[in-house]
Amino acid sequence: VQIDLQCFPGGFWSRTAFKDEVLMPMGQRDIIVAEDLVPEVVGVGCLRQVLDEGSITYLAVSDGSRRRGIGSIVVSDLIARCSARGIKTVTLEVRCHIYNI
């Protein structure tokens, strides 16, 4: 939850939403956590599988760890998990208002 507050002012997900994501049955979701040597969480990605489609529901990289390819590694891992399950379609929803676009 700390990385969420750091990356998204006010938080992107509530504590309840994080809890719901973690408690979802195993076959339907994956959560990737990237840590550095400290160890400190530097990136998080969540994937939800619905039938034969994957949806990246969350992606965050800590401020101090950006521009190091961590987001790409997390997304690549999520996509590889989809591929291993035979999923051919993966979506990532982006909310432009977060970035004032």
Protein backbone atom coordinates (compact mmCIF):
# COMPACT_ATOMS: atom_id res chain seq x y z
CA VAL A 1 0.00 0.00 0.00
CA GLN A 2 2.95 2.35 0.65
CA ILE A 3 4.06 2.31 -3.00
CA ASP A 4 0.47 3.10 -4.00
CA LEU A 5 0.42 6.24 -1.85
CA GLN A 6 3.83 7.27 -3.16
CA CYS A 7 2.95 6.79 -6.83
CA PHE A 8 -0.65 7.97 -6.79
CA PRO A 9 -1.53 10.94 -4.55
CA GLY A 10 -4.48 9.91 -2.41
CA GLY A 11 -3.96 6.29 -3.43
CA PHE A 12 -5.10 4.44 -6.52
CA TRP A 13 -6.63 1.53 -4.59
CA SER A 14 -8.12 1.53 -1.11
CA ARG A 15 -6.83 -0.91 1.53
CA THR A 16 -10.00 -2.93 0.90
CA ALA A 17 -9.27 -3.10 -2.85
CA PHE A 18 -5.72 -4.34 -2.17
CA LYS A 19 -7.08 -6.94 0.27
CA ASP A 20 -9.70 -8.10 -2.25
CA GLU A 21 -7.03 -8.46 -4.94
CA VAL A 22 -4.74 -10.49 -2.68
CA LEU A 23 -7.55 -12.77 -1.47
CA MET A 24 -8.86 -13.55 -4.97
CA PRO A 25 -8.56 -17.30 -5.78
CA MET A 26 -5.08 -18.20 -7.08
CA GLY A 27 -6.04 -19.26 -10.61
CA GLN A 28 -7.51 -15.86 -11.37
CA ARG A 29 -4.77 -13.39 -10.40
CA ASP A 30 -1.04 -12.86 -10.06
CA ILE A 31 0.81 -10.20 -8.11
CA ILE A 32 4.41 -9.38 -8.96
CA VAL A 33 6.52 -7.50 -6.43
CA ALA A 34 9.93 -6.18 -7.45
CA GLU A 35 12.40 -5.52 -4.64
CA ASP A 36 15.84 -3.97 -4.59
CA LEU A 37 18.77 -5.07 -2.44
CA VAL A 38 17.61 -3.27 0.73
CA PRO A 39 14.94 -5.04 0.42
CA GLU A 40 12.44 -2.38 -0.46
CA VAL A 41 9.44 -2.73 -2.76
CA VAL A 42 10.28 -0.81 -5.92
CA GLY A 43 7.56 -2.10 -8.24
CA VAL A 44 4.21 -3.87 -8.14
CA GLY A 45 2.04 -5.30 -10.88
CA CYS A 46 -1.29 -7.13 -10.64
CA LEU A 47 -2.86 -9.34 -13.27
CA ARG A 48 -6.41 -10.60 -13.36
CA GLN A 49 -7.47 -13.45 -15.64
CA VAL A 50 -11.05 -13.53 -16.89
CA LEU A 51 -11.73 -16.55 -19.09
CA ASP A 52 -9.15 -16.34 -21.89
CA GLU A 53 -8.09 -12.71 -21.38
CA GLY A 54 -5.61 -11.09 -19.04
CA SER A 55 -5.95 -7.62 -17.59
CA ILE A 56 -3.12 -5.77 -15.89
CA THR A 57 -5.11 -4.11 -13.15
CA TYR A 58 -2.29 -2.29 -11.39
CA LEU A 59 1.24 -1.15 -12.13
CA ALA A 60 3.41 1.08 -9.95
CA VAL A 61 7.14 1.83 -9.70
CA SER A 62 8.52 3.86 -6.81
CA ASP A 63 9.77 7.36 -7.58
CA GLY A 64 13.41 6.56 -6.86
CA SER A 65 13.38 3.47 -9.07
CA ARG A 66 11.90 4.86 -12.26
CA ARG A 67 13.77 4.89 -15.57
CA ARG A 68 15.57 1.66 -14.63
CA GLY A 69 13.35 -0.74 -16.57
CA ILE A 70 11.52 -2.09 -13.52
CA GLY A 71 8.07 -1.40 -14.97
CA SER A 72 9.07 -3.18 -18.19
CA ILE A 73 10.32 -6.19 -16.23
CA VAL A 74 7.10 -6.40 -14.21
CA VAL A 75 4.90 -6.10 -17.32
CA SER A 76 7.03 -8.64 -19.20
CA ASP A 77 6.67 -11.10 -16.32
CA LEU A 78 2.90 -10.64 -16.24
CA ILE A 79 2.67 -11.15 -20.01
CA ALA A 80 4.87 -14.27 -19.78
CA ARG A 81 2.48 -15.69 -17.18
CA CYS A 82 -0.41 -15.05 -19.57
CA SER A 83 1.44 -16.71 -22.43
CA ALA A 84 2.13 -19.78 -20.29
CA ARG A 85 -1.63 -20.11 -19.72
CA GLY A 86 -2.46 -19.71 -23.41
CA ILE A 87 -3.85 -16.21 -22.96
CA LYS A 88 -3.40 -14.25 -26.18
CA THR A 89 -4.99 -10.93 -25.20
CA VAL A 90 -3.71 -8.73 -22.38
CA THR A 91 -4.99 -5.24 -21.63
CA LEU A 92 -3.68 -2.38 -19.52
CA GLU A 93 -6.04 0.46 -18.70
CA VAL A 94 -4.40 3.86 -18.25
CA ARG A 95 -6.08 6.72 -16.45
CA CYS A 96 -4.85 9.92 -18.05
CA HIS A 97 -6.21 12.20 -15.32
CA ILE A 98 -3.60 10.82 -12.92
CA TYR A 99 -0.91 12.44 -15.05
CA ASN A 100 -2.83 15.62 -15.86
CA ILE A 101 -2.98 14.76 -19.56
